[in-house]
N, C-alpha and C. Protein backbone atom coordinates (compact mmCIF):
# COMPACT_ATOMS: atom_id res chain seq x y z
N MET A 1 84.34 -7.78 56.65
CA MET A 1 83.18 -7.78 57.53
C MET A 1 83.63 -7.59 58.98
N SER A 2 83.01 -6.66 59.64
CA SER A 2 83.39 -6.34 61.00
C SER A 2 82.89 -7.42 61.97
N LYS A 3 83.64 -7.60 63.03
CA LYS A 3 83.27 -8.56 64.06
C LYS A 3 82.52 -7.88 65.21
N VAL A 4 82.17 -6.61 65.05
CA VAL A 4 81.42 -5.88 66.07
C VAL A 4 79.97 -6.38 66.05
N ILE A 5 79.45 -6.72 67.23
CA ILE A 5 78.09 -7.22 67.36
C ILE A 5 77.20 -6.08 67.82
N GLU A 6 76.17 -5.76 67.05
CA GLU A 6 75.24 -4.70 67.46
C GLU A 6 74.18 -5.32 68.37
N ILE A 7 73.99 -4.69 69.54
CA ILE A 7 73.02 -5.20 70.51
C ILE A 7 72.07 -4.09 70.94
N ASP A 8 71.04 -4.50 71.69
CA ASP A 8 70.12 -3.53 72.30
C ASP A 8 69.90 -3.99 73.75
N ASP A 9 69.00 -3.30 74.45
CA ASP A 9 68.74 -3.65 75.85
C ASP A 9 68.39 -5.13 76.03
N THR A 10 67.62 -5.68 75.11
CA THR A 10 67.18 -7.07 75.26
C THR A 10 68.32 -8.07 75.10
N GLY A 11 69.36 -7.72 74.37
CA GLY A 11 70.48 -8.63 74.16
C GLY A 11 71.66 -8.39 75.07
N PHE A 12 71.56 -7.39 75.93
CA PHE A 12 72.70 -7.02 76.78
C PHE A 12 73.14 -8.18 77.67
N ASP A 13 72.21 -8.80 78.38
CA ASP A 13 72.59 -9.88 79.29
C ASP A 13 73.22 -11.05 78.55
N ASP A 14 72.62 -11.46 77.42
CA ASP A 14 73.16 -12.58 76.66
C ASP A 14 74.57 -12.30 76.15
N GLN A 15 74.77 -11.12 75.58
CA GLN A 15 76.04 -10.81 74.93
C GLN A 15 77.12 -10.30 75.88
N VAL A 16 76.72 -9.66 76.98
CA VAL A 16 77.70 -9.04 77.87
C VAL A 16 77.76 -9.75 79.22
N SER A 17 76.65 -9.76 79.94
CA SER A 17 76.65 -10.29 81.31
C SER A 17 76.99 -11.78 81.36
N GLN A 18 76.56 -12.53 80.38
CA GLN A 18 76.76 -13.98 80.40
C GLN A 18 77.95 -14.43 79.55
N SER A 19 78.73 -13.49 79.06
CA SER A 19 79.87 -13.84 78.21
C SER A 19 80.99 -14.45 79.04
N GLU A 20 81.60 -15.49 78.49
CA GLU A 20 82.72 -16.13 79.17
C GLU A 20 84.04 -15.41 78.89
N GLN A 21 84.06 -14.58 77.85
CA GLN A 21 85.28 -13.84 77.55
C GLN A 21 85.04 -12.35 77.84
N PRO A 22 86.11 -11.57 77.99
CA PRO A 22 85.93 -10.13 78.22
C PRO A 22 85.14 -9.50 77.07
N VAL A 23 84.39 -8.44 77.41
CA VAL A 23 83.55 -7.76 76.42
C VAL A 23 83.82 -6.26 76.49
N LEU A 24 84.10 -5.66 75.34
CA LEU A 24 84.20 -4.21 75.22
C LEU A 24 82.87 -3.72 74.67
N VAL A 25 82.19 -2.88 75.45
CA VAL A 25 80.92 -2.32 75.01
C VAL A 25 81.17 -0.88 74.56
N TYR A 26 80.80 -0.60 73.32
CA TYR A 26 80.96 0.72 72.72
C TYR A 26 79.58 1.37 72.66
N PHE A 27 79.39 2.41 73.44
CA PHE A 27 78.14 3.17 73.45
C PHE A 27 78.28 4.34 72.48
N TRP A 28 77.30 4.52 71.62
CA TRP A 28 77.41 5.53 70.57
C TRP A 28 76.02 6.11 70.26
N ALA A 29 76.02 7.13 69.41
CA ALA A 29 74.78 7.73 68.91
C ALA A 29 75.02 8.22 67.50
N PRO A 30 74.02 8.13 66.62
CA PRO A 30 74.20 8.56 65.23
C PRO A 30 74.45 10.06 65.10
N TRP A 31 74.00 10.86 66.06
CA TRP A 31 74.18 12.31 66.01
C TRP A 31 75.53 12.75 66.59
N CYS A 32 76.31 11.82 67.08
CA CYS A 32 77.57 12.11 67.79
C CYS A 32 78.75 12.16 66.82
N GLY A 33 79.30 13.36 66.61
CA GLY A 33 80.47 13.51 65.73
C GLY A 33 81.68 12.71 66.17
N PRO A 34 82.08 12.80 67.46
CA PRO A 34 83.23 12.01 67.91
C PRO A 34 83.03 10.49 67.75
N CYS A 35 81.78 10.05 67.81
CA CYS A 35 81.51 8.61 67.60
C CYS A 35 81.93 8.18 66.20
N ARG A 36 81.72 9.06 65.23
CA ARG A 36 82.11 8.73 63.85
C ARG A 36 83.63 8.61 63.73
N LEU A 37 84.35 9.35 64.57
CA LEU A 37 85.81 9.24 64.55
C LEU A 37 86.30 7.97 65.23
N VAL A 38 85.59 7.53 66.26
CA VAL A 38 86.00 6.36 67.04
C VAL A 38 85.59 5.04 66.37
N SER A 39 84.49 5.05 65.62
CA SER A 39 83.94 3.81 65.05
C SER A 39 84.95 2.98 64.24
N PRO A 40 85.76 3.57 63.37
CA PRO A 40 86.73 2.74 62.64
C PRO A 40 87.72 2.03 63.57
N THR A 41 88.09 2.70 64.66
CA THR A 41 89.00 2.07 65.63
C THR A 41 88.31 0.91 66.33
N ILE A 42 87.03 1.06 66.64
CA ILE A 42 86.28 -0.03 67.28
C ILE A 42 86.24 -1.24 66.36
N ASN A 43 86.03 -1.01 65.07
CA ASN A 43 86.04 -2.11 64.10
C ASN A 43 87.41 -2.78 64.05
N TRP A 44 88.48 -1.98 64.08
CA TRP A 44 89.84 -2.51 64.07
C TRP A 44 90.10 -3.34 65.33
N ILE A 45 89.66 -2.83 66.48
CA ILE A 45 89.83 -3.56 67.75
C ILE A 45 89.11 -4.90 67.67
N ALA A 46 87.89 -4.90 67.16
CA ALA A 46 87.11 -6.15 67.05
C ALA A 46 87.84 -7.18 66.19
N ASP A 47 88.43 -6.72 65.10
CA ASP A 47 89.16 -7.63 64.21
C ASP A 47 90.47 -8.09 64.84
N THR A 48 91.20 -7.17 65.44
CA THR A 48 92.53 -7.46 65.96
C THR A 48 92.50 -8.29 67.24
N TYR A 49 91.53 -8.04 68.10
CA TYR A 49 91.46 -8.71 69.40
C TYR A 49 90.41 -9.83 69.44
N SER A 50 89.94 -10.27 68.30
CA SER A 50 88.83 -11.22 68.26
C SER A 50 89.12 -12.53 68.97
N ASP A 51 90.39 -12.88 69.13
CA ASP A 51 90.72 -14.13 69.80
C ASP A 51 90.60 -14.04 71.32
N ARG A 52 90.56 -12.81 71.88
CA ARG A 52 90.49 -12.68 73.35
C ARG A 52 89.45 -11.70 73.84
N LEU A 53 88.66 -11.14 72.93
CA LEU A 53 87.73 -10.09 73.33
C LEU A 53 86.52 -10.08 72.40
N LYS A 54 85.35 -9.91 73.00
CA LYS A 54 84.13 -9.70 72.22
C LYS A 54 83.87 -8.19 72.21
N VAL A 55 83.51 -7.64 71.06
CA VAL A 55 83.21 -6.21 70.96
C VAL A 55 81.75 -6.05 70.56
N VAL A 56 81.00 -5.31 71.39
CA VAL A 56 79.61 -5.04 71.08
C VAL A 56 79.38 -3.54 71.02
N LYS A 57 78.37 -3.17 70.27
CA LYS A 57 78.05 -1.77 70.01
C LYS A 57 76.60 -1.55 70.38
N LEU A 58 76.33 -0.49 71.16
CA LEU A 58 74.98 -0.24 71.63
C LEU A 58 74.65 1.24 71.43
N GLU A 59 73.59 1.50 70.68
CA GLU A 59 73.14 2.88 70.47
C GLU A 59 72.43 3.34 71.75
N VAL A 60 72.83 4.50 72.29
CA VAL A 60 72.35 4.91 73.62
C VAL A 60 70.89 5.34 73.66
N ASP A 61 70.42 6.10 72.69
CA ASP A 61 69.08 6.68 72.79
C ASP A 61 67.95 5.64 72.89
N PRO A 62 67.93 4.60 72.06
CA PRO A 62 66.83 3.64 72.18
C PRO A 62 67.06 2.56 73.26
N ASN A 63 68.16 2.65 74.00
CA ASN A 63 68.49 1.61 74.97
C ASN A 63 68.83 2.19 76.35
N PRO A 64 67.86 2.82 77.01
CA PRO A 64 68.13 3.49 78.28
C PRO A 64 68.50 2.56 79.43
N GLU A 65 68.04 1.31 79.40
CA GLU A 65 68.35 0.39 80.51
C GLU A 65 69.84 0.09 80.57
N SER A 66 70.43 -0.26 79.44
CA SER A 66 71.86 -0.58 79.40
C SER A 66 72.69 0.66 79.70
N ARG A 67 72.25 1.79 79.16
CA ARG A 67 72.96 3.05 79.41
C ARG A 67 72.98 3.35 80.91
N ALA A 68 71.85 3.17 81.58
CA ALA A 68 71.77 3.43 83.02
C ALA A 68 72.59 2.40 83.82
N LYS A 69 72.49 1.14 83.42
CA LYS A 69 73.22 0.07 84.12
C LYS A 69 74.72 0.33 84.10
N CYS A 70 75.21 0.88 83.00
CA CYS A 70 76.65 1.14 82.84
C CYS A 70 77.03 2.58 83.18
N GLN A 71 76.07 3.35 83.66
CA GLN A 71 76.28 4.74 84.07
C GLN A 71 76.95 5.57 82.98
N VAL A 72 76.42 5.47 81.77
CA VAL A 72 76.95 6.23 80.65
C VAL A 72 76.37 7.64 80.68
N GLU A 73 77.26 8.62 80.81
CA GLU A 73 76.85 10.02 80.88
C GLU A 73 76.96 10.72 79.52
N GLY A 74 77.89 10.27 78.70
CA GLY A 74 78.12 10.89 77.40
C GLY A 74 78.67 9.87 76.42
N VAL A 75 78.62 10.22 75.15
CA VAL A 75 79.14 9.33 74.10
C VAL A 75 80.20 10.05 73.28
N PRO A 76 81.13 9.31 72.71
CA PRO A 76 81.28 7.86 72.79
C PRO A 76 81.74 7.43 74.19
N ALA A 77 81.36 6.22 74.55
CA ALA A 77 81.76 5.67 75.85
C ALA A 77 82.17 4.21 75.65
N LEU A 78 83.13 3.79 76.45
CA LEU A 78 83.60 2.41 76.42
C LEU A 78 83.51 1.83 77.82
N ARG A 79 83.06 0.58 77.91
CA ARG A 79 83.06 -0.16 79.16
C ARG A 79 83.65 -1.52 78.86
N LEU A 80 84.68 -1.88 79.61
CA LEU A 80 85.29 -3.20 79.46
C LEU A 80 84.81 -4.08 80.60
N PHE A 81 84.14 -5.17 80.25
CA PHE A 81 83.62 -6.12 81.23
C PHE A 81 84.50 -7.36 81.28
N LYS A 82 84.81 -7.80 82.49
CA LYS A 82 85.46 -9.10 82.71
C LYS A 82 84.68 -9.76 83.83
N ASP A 83 84.24 -10.99 83.60
CA ASP A 83 83.47 -11.73 84.60
C ASP A 83 82.28 -10.92 85.11
N ASN A 84 81.59 -10.25 84.22
CA ASN A 84 80.40 -9.46 84.50
C ASN A 84 80.66 -8.23 85.37
N ASP A 85 81.91 -7.82 85.48
CA ASP A 85 82.25 -6.59 86.21
C ASP A 85 82.87 -5.59 85.25
N ILE A 86 82.55 -4.31 85.45
CA ILE A 86 83.19 -3.27 84.65
C ILE A 86 84.58 -3.03 85.23
N VAL A 87 85.62 -3.28 84.42
CA VAL A 87 86.99 -3.08 84.89
C VAL A 87 87.59 -1.79 84.34
N VAL A 88 87.02 -1.27 83.26
CA VAL A 88 87.46 0.00 82.70
C VAL A 88 86.22 0.76 82.23
N SER A 89 86.22 2.05 82.52
CA SER A 89 85.11 2.92 82.13
C SER A 89 85.71 4.20 81.57
N ARG A 90 85.45 4.46 80.29
CA ARG A 90 85.98 5.67 79.64
C ARG A 90 84.87 6.35 78.85
N GLU A 91 84.89 7.68 78.86
CA GLU A 91 83.96 8.44 78.05
C GLU A 91 84.73 9.49 77.27
N GLY A 92 84.21 9.82 76.09
CA GLY A 92 84.88 10.77 75.21
C GLY A 92 85.70 10.04 74.17
N ALA A 93 86.04 10.77 73.12
CA ALA A 93 86.80 10.18 72.02
C ALA A 93 88.19 9.78 72.49
N MET A 94 88.59 8.59 72.10
CA MET A 94 89.93 8.09 72.39
C MET A 94 90.57 7.65 71.09
N GLY A 95 91.86 7.84 70.99
CA GLY A 95 92.59 7.41 69.81
C GLY A 95 92.86 5.92 69.84
N LYS A 96 93.23 5.40 68.69
CA LYS A 96 93.51 3.97 68.55
C LYS A 96 94.55 3.50 69.56
N GLN A 97 95.65 4.26 69.70
CA GLN A 97 96.73 3.87 70.62
C GLN A 97 96.25 3.84 72.07
N GLN A 98 95.41 4.82 72.46
CA GLN A 98 94.89 4.86 73.82
C GLN A 98 94.02 3.64 74.13
N ILE A 99 93.16 3.29 73.18
CA ILE A 99 92.28 2.14 73.38
C ILE A 99 93.10 0.85 73.42
N GLN A 100 94.07 0.75 72.53
CA GLN A 100 94.91 -0.44 72.48
C GLN A 100 95.67 -0.61 73.80
N THR A 101 96.24 0.47 74.33
CA THR A 101 96.96 0.43 75.60
C THR A 101 96.02 0.02 76.73
N MET A 102 94.82 0.60 76.75
CA MET A 102 93.83 0.26 77.78
C MET A 102 93.52 -1.23 77.75
N LEU A 103 93.31 -1.78 76.56
CA LEU A 103 93.00 -3.21 76.44
C LEU A 103 94.17 -4.07 76.81
N ASP A 104 95.35 -3.70 76.36
CA ASP A 104 96.55 -4.50 76.66
C ASP A 104 96.83 -4.54 78.17
N ASP A 105 96.47 -3.48 78.87
CA ASP A 105 96.67 -3.45 80.33
C ASP A 105 95.69 -4.35 81.07
N HIS A 106 94.57 -4.72 80.44
CA HIS A 106 93.53 -5.47 81.14
C HIS A 106 93.22 -6.85 80.55
N LEU A 107 93.85 -7.20 79.46
CA LEU A 107 93.57 -8.53 78.87
C LEU A 107 94.72 -9.48 79.11
């Protein structure tokens, strides 16, 4: 069972803004081919980093408020929040090693 939490605009503040631990937000869309490639890595990250990181997943099309708040221009997109601030912002498909390095540099 994956530790990725699926959220929408209404749950963004509770799960991301008010979180006491860092949060990786994965923005995706069902029509996005690269998102299908990144999703297994996001699940692996959620399982592997569960002791120091919360991972949430947000579908972009039905959630325009969160997409705008995080300035998401394309998917897949990742935003790493620490203390309610975006410390890393990436768009486009990233490999497992790239994501792992990005997290290790900021956690």
